Amino acid sequence: MGECEVCGAMNVGTRTVPMGRAMVSACHRCAERLGVGERHVAPGIAQASRRAAAPRKAANRGLMRRTERELAQDFGQRIRKGRASKGWSQEELARKMSEKVNVVKSSESGRRPTDAVISKFER
């Protein structure tokens, strides 16, 4: 039980409501007068918001399995040298592979590409 900051009523149930730019504690009557009534939420929405999100498994993003094939330790340098030997920029290589430039950049910096991207580099 608290005090209504709008009408001054003592020992009443209050809730925080917006009044202008400030948030004030107001009793039920003052909250209705300010136009901040009870919020009614559709049952389906309330139920959905209460449900916890199902835990997701870490999706295998097509990363190369080490048991299948080995990727050279210096694959980033090899990609960079191959691209430079043909005189292509990273943008040109990405366009020819139908991939984004960031995929080429990250592969050249040593980040392991997906199987699909590896097969495109092999072409």
N, C-alpha and C. Protein backbone atom coordinates (compact mmCIF):
# COMPACT_ATOMS: atom_id res chain seq x y z
N MET A 1 0.85 -1.17 0.00
CA MET A 1 0.00 0.00 0.00
C MET A 1 0.89 1.23 0.00
N GLY A 2 0.46 2.18 -0.78
CA GLY A 2 1.27 3.38 -0.91
C GLY A 2 0.43 4.63 -0.99
N GLU A 3 1.04 5.70 -1.39
CA GLU A 3 0.37 6.99 -1.50
C GLU A 3 0.28 7.37 -2.97
N CYS A 4 -0.91 7.82 -3.38
CA CYS A 4 -1.13 8.26 -4.75
C CYS A 4 -0.50 9.63 -4.92
N GLU A 5 0.41 9.75 -5.88
CA GLU A 5 1.08 11.03 -6.12
C GLU A 5 0.21 12.02 -6.88
N VAL A 6 -0.93 11.55 -7.40
CA VAL A 6 -1.81 12.43 -8.17
C VAL A 6 -2.83 13.09 -7.25
N CYS A 7 -3.61 12.26 -6.49
CA CYS A 7 -4.67 12.83 -5.64
C CYS A 7 -4.27 12.89 -4.18
N GLY A 8 -3.19 12.22 -3.78
CA GLY A 8 -2.73 12.28 -2.40
C GLY A 8 -3.36 11.25 -1.49
N ALA A 9 -4.16 10.32 -2.01
CA ALA A 9 -4.80 9.30 -1.18
C ALA A 9 -3.72 8.43 -0.53
N MET A 10 -3.95 8.12 0.78
CA MET A 10 -2.98 7.34 1.54
C MET A 10 -3.44 5.89 1.65
N ASN A 11 -2.50 5.00 1.80
CA ASN A 11 -2.75 3.57 1.99
C ASN A 11 -3.66 2.98 0.91
N VAL A 12 -3.36 3.26 -0.33
CA VAL A 12 -4.12 2.69 -1.45
C VAL A 12 -3.14 1.93 -2.34
N GLY A 13 -3.69 0.98 -3.06
CA GLY A 13 -2.88 0.24 -4.02
C GLY A 13 -2.49 1.16 -5.17
N THR A 14 -1.23 1.24 -5.47
CA THR A 14 -0.78 2.13 -6.54
C THR A 14 -0.07 1.34 -7.62
N ARG A 15 0.02 1.98 -8.76
CA ARG A 15 0.84 1.42 -9.84
C ARG A 15 1.49 2.58 -10.57
N THR A 16 2.59 2.31 -11.19
CA THR A 16 3.33 3.35 -11.89
C THR A 16 2.72 3.57 -13.26
N VAL A 17 2.33 4.83 -13.54
CA VAL A 17 1.70 5.18 -14.81
C VAL A 17 2.40 6.41 -15.38
N PRO A 18 2.37 6.57 -16.70
CA PRO A 18 2.98 7.76 -17.29
C PRO A 18 2.06 8.97 -17.14
N MET A 19 2.64 10.08 -16.73
CA MET A 19 1.89 11.34 -16.63
C MET A 19 2.78 12.40 -17.24
N GLY A 20 2.46 12.78 -18.46
CA GLY A 20 3.34 13.69 -19.18
C GLY A 20 4.61 12.94 -19.54
N ARG A 21 5.74 13.47 -19.14
CA ARG A 21 7.01 12.80 -19.39
C ARG A 21 7.51 12.03 -18.17
N ALA A 22 6.78 12.12 -17.07
CA ALA A 22 7.20 11.47 -15.83
C ALA A 22 6.38 10.22 -15.56
N MET A 23 6.94 9.34 -14.76
CA MET A 23 6.23 8.15 -14.30
C MET A 23 5.88 8.41 -12.84
N VAL A 24 4.59 8.28 -12.50
CA VAL A 24 4.14 8.55 -11.14
C VAL A 24 3.38 7.35 -10.60
N SER A 25 3.30 7.26 -9.26
CA SER A 25 2.50 6.23 -8.61
C SER A 25 1.09 6.78 -8.48
N ALA A 26 0.12 6.07 -9.06
CA ALA A 26 -1.26 6.55 -9.03
C ALA A 26 -2.18 5.43 -8.56
N CYS A 27 -3.28 5.84 -7.88
CA CYS A 27 -4.27 4.86 -7.45
C CYS A 27 -5.10 4.44 -8.67
N HIS A 28 -5.98 3.48 -8.47
CA HIS A 28 -6.78 2.94 -9.57
C HIS A 28 -7.63 4.02 -10.22
N ARG A 29 -8.30 4.84 -9.40
CA ARG A 29 -9.17 5.90 -9.94
C ARG A 29 -8.38 6.91 -10.76
N CYS A 30 -7.25 7.36 -10.26
CA CYS A 30 -6.45 8.35 -10.99
C CYS A 30 -5.87 7.74 -12.26
N ALA A 31 -5.50 6.48 -12.21
CA ALA A 31 -4.96 5.82 -13.40
C ALA A 31 -6.03 5.77 -14.49
N GLU A 32 -7.28 5.49 -14.11
CA GLU A 32 -8.37 5.48 -15.10
C GLU A 32 -8.61 6.89 -15.64
N ARG A 33 -8.55 7.89 -14.75
CA ARG A 33 -8.76 9.27 -15.16
C ARG A 33 -7.67 9.73 -16.13
N LEU A 34 -6.46 9.23 -15.94
CA LEU A 34 -5.35 9.59 -16.83
C LEU A 34 -5.42 8.82 -18.15
N GLY A 35 -6.36 7.89 -18.23
CA GLY A 35 -6.52 7.14 -19.47
C GLY A 35 -5.60 5.94 -19.58
N VAL A 36 -5.09 5.51 -18.46
CA VAL A 36 -4.22 4.34 -18.46
C VAL A 36 -4.98 3.23 -17.74
N GLY A 37 -5.84 2.55 -18.49
CA GLY A 37 -6.64 1.48 -17.91
C GLY A 37 -5.88 0.17 -17.87
N GLU A 38 -6.57 -0.85 -17.47
CA GLU A 38 -5.97 -2.18 -17.45
C GLU A 38 -5.65 -2.61 -18.87
N ARG A 39 -4.54 -3.24 -19.03
CA ARG A 39 -4.18 -3.76 -20.34
C ARG A 39 -4.70 -5.18 -20.46
N HIS A 40 -5.50 -5.39 -21.48
CA HIS A 40 -6.02 -6.72 -21.73
C HIS A 40 -5.24 -7.31 -22.89
N VAL A 41 -4.71 -8.50 -22.66
CA VAL A 41 -3.91 -9.16 -23.69
C VAL A 41 -4.68 -10.38 -24.15
N ALA A 42 -4.70 -10.61 -25.44
CA ALA A 42 -5.39 -11.78 -25.98
C ALA A 42 -4.79 -13.04 -25.37
N PRO A 43 -5.65 -14.05 -25.08
CA PRO A 43 -5.16 -15.25 -24.41
C PRO A 43 -4.03 -15.95 -25.16
N GLY A 44 -4.10 -15.97 -26.47
CA GLY A 44 -3.06 -16.64 -27.25
C GLY A 44 -1.72 -15.95 -27.11
N ILE A 45 -1.74 -14.62 -27.08
CA ILE A 45 -0.49 -13.86 -26.96
C ILE A 45 0.09 -14.03 -25.56
N ALA A 46 -0.76 -13.98 -24.56
CA ALA A 46 -0.29 -14.15 -23.19
C ALA A 46 0.32 -15.53 -23.00
N GLN A 47 -0.31 -16.53 -23.59
CA GLN A 47 0.18 -17.90 -23.47
C GLN A 47 1.52 -18.04 -24.20
N ALA A 48 1.63 -17.43 -25.36
CA ALA A 48 2.86 -17.53 -26.13
C ALA A 48 4.01 -16.83 -25.42
N SER A 49 3.73 -15.71 -24.76
CA SER A 49 4.80 -14.99 -24.08
C SER A 49 5.27 -15.73 -22.83
N ARG A 50 4.40 -16.56 -22.26
CA ARG A 50 4.78 -17.32 -21.08
C ARG A 50 5.62 -18.54 -21.42
N ARG A 51 5.44 -19.07 -22.62
CA ARG A 51 6.18 -20.26 -23.01
C ARG A 51 7.66 -19.94 -23.16
N ALA A 52 8.45 -20.85 -22.69
CA ALA A 52 9.90 -20.68 -22.86
C ALA A 52 10.27 -21.14 -24.26
N ALA A 53 11.24 -20.50 -24.81
CA ALA A 53 11.70 -20.88 -26.14
C ALA A 53 12.36 -22.24 -26.06
N ALA A 54 12.09 -23.07 -27.04
CA ALA A 54 12.68 -24.40 -27.07
C ALA A 54 14.18 -24.27 -27.28
N PRO A 55 14.95 -25.03 -26.52
CA PRO A 55 16.40 -24.95 -26.71
C PRO A 55 16.78 -25.46 -28.09
N ARG A 56 17.66 -24.73 -28.74
CA ARG A 56 18.08 -25.10 -30.09
C ARG A 56 19.40 -25.85 -30.03
N LYS A 57 19.48 -26.83 -30.88
CA LYS A 57 20.75 -27.52 -31.01
C LYS A 57 21.67 -26.66 -31.86
N ALA A 58 22.93 -26.77 -31.63
CA ALA A 58 23.88 -26.05 -32.47
C ALA A 58 23.84 -26.70 -33.85
N ALA A 59 23.34 -25.96 -34.80
CA ALA A 59 23.17 -26.51 -36.14
C ALA A 59 24.53 -26.73 -36.79
N ASN A 60 24.66 -27.87 -37.43
CA ASN A 60 25.87 -28.14 -38.17
C ASN A 60 25.79 -27.31 -39.44
N ARG A 61 26.57 -26.31 -39.54
CA ARG A 61 26.49 -25.38 -40.65
C ARG A 61 27.29 -25.87 -41.85
N GLY A 62 27.37 -27.17 -42.01
CA GLY A 62 28.08 -27.71 -43.16
C GLY A 62 29.58 -27.58 -43.02
N LEU A 63 30.06 -27.46 -41.79
CA LEU A 63 31.49 -27.36 -41.62
C LEU A 63 32.13 -28.69 -41.97
N MET A 64 33.27 -28.59 -42.54
CA MET A 64 33.96 -29.78 -43.01
C MET A 64 34.29 -30.68 -41.82
N ARG A 65 33.95 -31.94 -41.94
CA ARG A 65 34.25 -32.89 -40.87
C ARG A 65 35.70 -33.33 -41.03
N ARG A 66 36.43 -33.32 -39.96
CA ARG A 66 37.86 -33.65 -40.03
C ARG A 66 38.09 -35.09 -40.47
N THR A 67 37.16 -35.98 -40.17
CA THR A 67 37.35 -37.38 -40.55
C THR A 67 37.16 -37.59 -42.04
N GLU A 68 36.39 -36.73 -42.69
CA GLU A 68 36.12 -36.87 -44.12
C GLU A 68 37.33 -36.47 -44.95
N ARG A 69 37.72 -35.21 -44.86
CA ARG A 69 38.86 -34.69 -45.61
C ARG A 69 39.63 -33.73 -44.72
N GLU A 70 40.89 -33.62 -44.98
CA GLU A 70 41.70 -32.67 -44.23
C GLU A 70 41.86 -31.40 -45.04
N LEU A 71 41.78 -30.29 -44.37
CA LEU A 71 41.99 -28.99 -44.99
C LEU A 71 43.39 -28.54 -44.58
N ALA A 72 44.17 -28.08 -45.52
CA ALA A 72 45.55 -27.67 -45.24
C ALA A 72 45.58 -26.59 -44.17
N GLN A 73 46.61 -26.62 -43.36
CA GLN A 73 46.74 -25.63 -42.29
C GLN A 73 46.88 -24.21 -42.84
N ASP A 74 47.51 -24.09 -44.01
CA ASP A 74 47.73 -22.77 -44.59
C ASP A 74 46.75 -22.49 -45.73
N PHE A 75 45.50 -22.99 -45.60
CA PHE A 75 44.53 -22.84 -46.70
C PHE A 75 44.25 -21.37 -47.01
N GLY A 76 44.29 -20.51 -46.02
CA GLY A 76 44.04 -19.08 -46.25
C GLY A 76 45.10 -18.47 -47.15
N GLN A 77 46.36 -18.82 -46.88
CA GLN A 77 47.45 -18.31 -47.71
C GLN A 77 47.37 -18.88 -49.12
N ARG A 78 46.99 -20.15 -49.24
CA ARG A 78 46.87 -20.77 -50.56
C ARG A 78 45.77 -20.10 -51.38
N ILE A 79 44.66 -19.78 -50.73
CA ILE A 79 43.56 -19.10 -51.44
C ILE A 79 44.03 -17.73 -51.91
N ARG A 80 44.72 -17.01 -51.02
CA ARG A 80 45.20 -15.67 -51.36
C ARG A 80 46.20 -15.72 -52.52
N LYS A 81 47.15 -16.69 -52.48
CA LYS A 81 48.14 -16.82 -53.55
C LYS A 81 47.49 -17.19 -54.87
N GLY A 82 46.52 -18.10 -54.84
CA GLY A 82 45.83 -18.50 -56.06
C GLY A 82 45.06 -17.35 -56.68
N ARG A 83 44.43 -16.57 -55.84
CA ARG A 83 43.68 -15.40 -56.33
C ARG A 83 44.63 -14.38 -56.91
N ALA A 84 45.75 -14.13 -56.23
CA ALA A 84 46.72 -13.14 -56.70
C ALA A 84 47.39 -13.59 -58.00
N SER A 85 47.62 -14.90 -58.15
CA SER A 85 48.28 -15.38 -59.37
C SER A 85 47.40 -15.17 -60.60
N LYS A 86 46.09 -15.14 -60.41
CA LYS A 86 45.18 -14.88 -61.53
C LYS A 86 44.91 -13.39 -61.70
N GLY A 87 45.41 -12.59 -60.76
CA GLY A 87 45.23 -11.15 -60.85
C GLY A 87 43.85 -10.67 -60.46
N TRP A 88 43.13 -11.45 -59.63
CA TRP A 88 41.78 -11.09 -59.23
C TRP A 88 41.80 -10.40 -57.88
N SER A 89 40.87 -9.49 -57.68
CA SER A 89 40.68 -8.91 -56.35
C SER A 89 39.73 -9.83 -55.57
N GLN A 90 39.60 -9.57 -54.29
CA GLN A 90 38.67 -10.37 -53.48
C GLN A 90 37.25 -10.23 -54.00
N GLU A 91 36.90 -9.04 -54.46
CA GLU A 91 35.56 -8.80 -54.98
C GLU A 91 35.31 -9.62 -56.25
N GLU A 92 36.32 -9.68 -57.13
CA GLU A 92 36.17 -10.45 -58.38
C GLU A 92 36.02 -11.94 -58.08
N LEU A 93 36.85 -12.45 -57.17
CA LEU A 93 36.76 -13.86 -56.81
C LEU A 93 35.39 -14.17 -56.22
N ALA A 94 34.91 -13.32 -55.34
CA ALA A 94 33.60 -13.53 -54.72
C ALA A 94 32.50 -13.54 -55.77
N ARG A 95 32.59 -12.63 -56.73
CA ARG A 95 31.57 -12.57 -57.78
C ARG A 95 31.62 -13.83 -58.64
N LYS A 96 32.81 -14.31 -58.98
CA LYS A 96 32.94 -15.52 -59.81
C LYS A 96 32.45 -16.76 -59.06
N MET A 97 32.57 -16.73 -57.72
CA MET A 97 32.11 -17.87 -56.91
C MET A 97 30.64 -17.74 -56.52
N SER A 98 30.04 -16.61 -56.78
CA SER A 98 28.67 -16.31 -56.34
C SER A 98 28.58 -16.35 -54.82
N GLU A 99 29.55 -15.76 -54.18
CA GLU A 99 29.59 -15.65 -52.73
C GLU A 99 29.79 -14.19 -52.35
N LYS A 100 29.62 -13.91 -51.06
CA LYS A 100 29.85 -12.56 -50.57
C LYS A 100 31.34 -12.33 -50.37
N VAL A 101 31.73 -11.08 -50.43
CA VAL A 101 33.14 -10.72 -50.26
C VAL A 101 33.63 -11.13 -48.88
N ASN A 102 32.77 -11.01 -47.88
CA ASN A 102 33.16 -11.37 -46.51
C ASN A 102 33.51 -12.85 -46.39
N VAL A 103 32.89 -13.71 -47.20
CA VAL A 103 33.21 -15.14 -47.17
C VAL A 103 34.65 -15.33 -47.64
N VAL A 104 35.01 -14.65 -48.72
CA VAL A 104 36.37 -14.75 -49.25
C VAL A 104 37.37 -14.18 -48.25
N LYS A 105 37.06 -13.02 -47.69
CA LYS A 105 37.96 -12.38 -46.72
C LYS A 105 38.18 -13.27 -45.50
N SER A 106 37.09 -13.81 -44.97
CA SER A 106 37.23 -14.64 -43.76
C SER A 106 37.97 -15.93 -44.07
N SER A 107 37.78 -16.50 -45.26
CA SER A 107 38.50 -17.71 -45.64
C SER A 107 39.99 -17.42 -45.78
N GLU A 108 40.32 -16.28 -46.37
CA GLU A 108 41.73 -15.91 -46.53
C GLU A 108 42.39 -15.60 -45.19
N SER A 109 41.60 -15.15 -44.23
CA SER A 109 42.18 -14.83 -42.92
C SER A 109 42.33 -16.07 -42.05
N GLY A 110 41.84 -17.22 -42.53
CA GLY A 110 42.07 -18.46 -41.79
C GLY A 110 40.83 -19.06 -41.16
N ARG A 111 39.68 -18.45 -41.36
CA ARG A 111 38.45 -19.02 -40.80
C ARG A 111 37.98 -20.15 -41.70
N ARG A 112 37.66 -21.27 -41.11
CA ARG A 112 37.30 -22.48 -41.86
C ARG A 112 35.99 -22.27 -42.62
N PRO A 113 36.01 -22.41 -43.95
CA PRO A 113 34.79 -22.22 -44.75
C PRO A 113 33.90 -23.46 -44.71
N THR A 114 32.67 -23.32 -45.17
CA THR A 114 31.75 -24.45 -45.23
C THR A 114 32.14 -25.36 -46.39
N ASP A 115 31.58 -26.57 -46.41
CA ASP A 115 31.89 -27.53 -47.48
C ASP A 115 31.54 -26.97 -48.85
N ALA A 116 30.40 -26.27 -48.94
CA ALA A 116 29.97 -25.71 -50.22
C ALA A 116 30.96 -24.67 -50.72
N VAL A 117 31.47 -23.85 -49.83
CA VAL A 117 32.43 -22.82 -50.22
C VAL A 117 33.76 -23.47 -50.60
N ILE A 118 34.15 -24.52 -49.89
CA ILE A 118 35.39 -25.22 -50.23
C ILE A 118 35.31 -25.78 -51.65
N SER A 119 34.17 -26.37 -51.99
CA SER A 119 34.04 -26.92 -53.34
C SER A 119 34.09 -25.82 -54.39
N LYS A 120 33.59 -24.62 -54.06
CA LYS A 120 33.67 -23.50 -55.00
C LYS A 120 35.11 -23.03 -55.16
N PHE A 121 35.87 -23.04 -54.07
CA PHE A 121 37.28 -22.67 -54.17
C PHE A 121 38.05 -23.69 -55.01
N GLU A 122 37.69 -24.96 -54.90
CA GLU A 122 38.38 -26.01 -55.65
C GLU A 122 38.17 -25.88 -57.15
N ARG A 123 37.06 -25.32 -57.56
CA ARG A 123 36.80 -25.15 -58.99
C ARG A 123 37.80 -24.21 -59.56
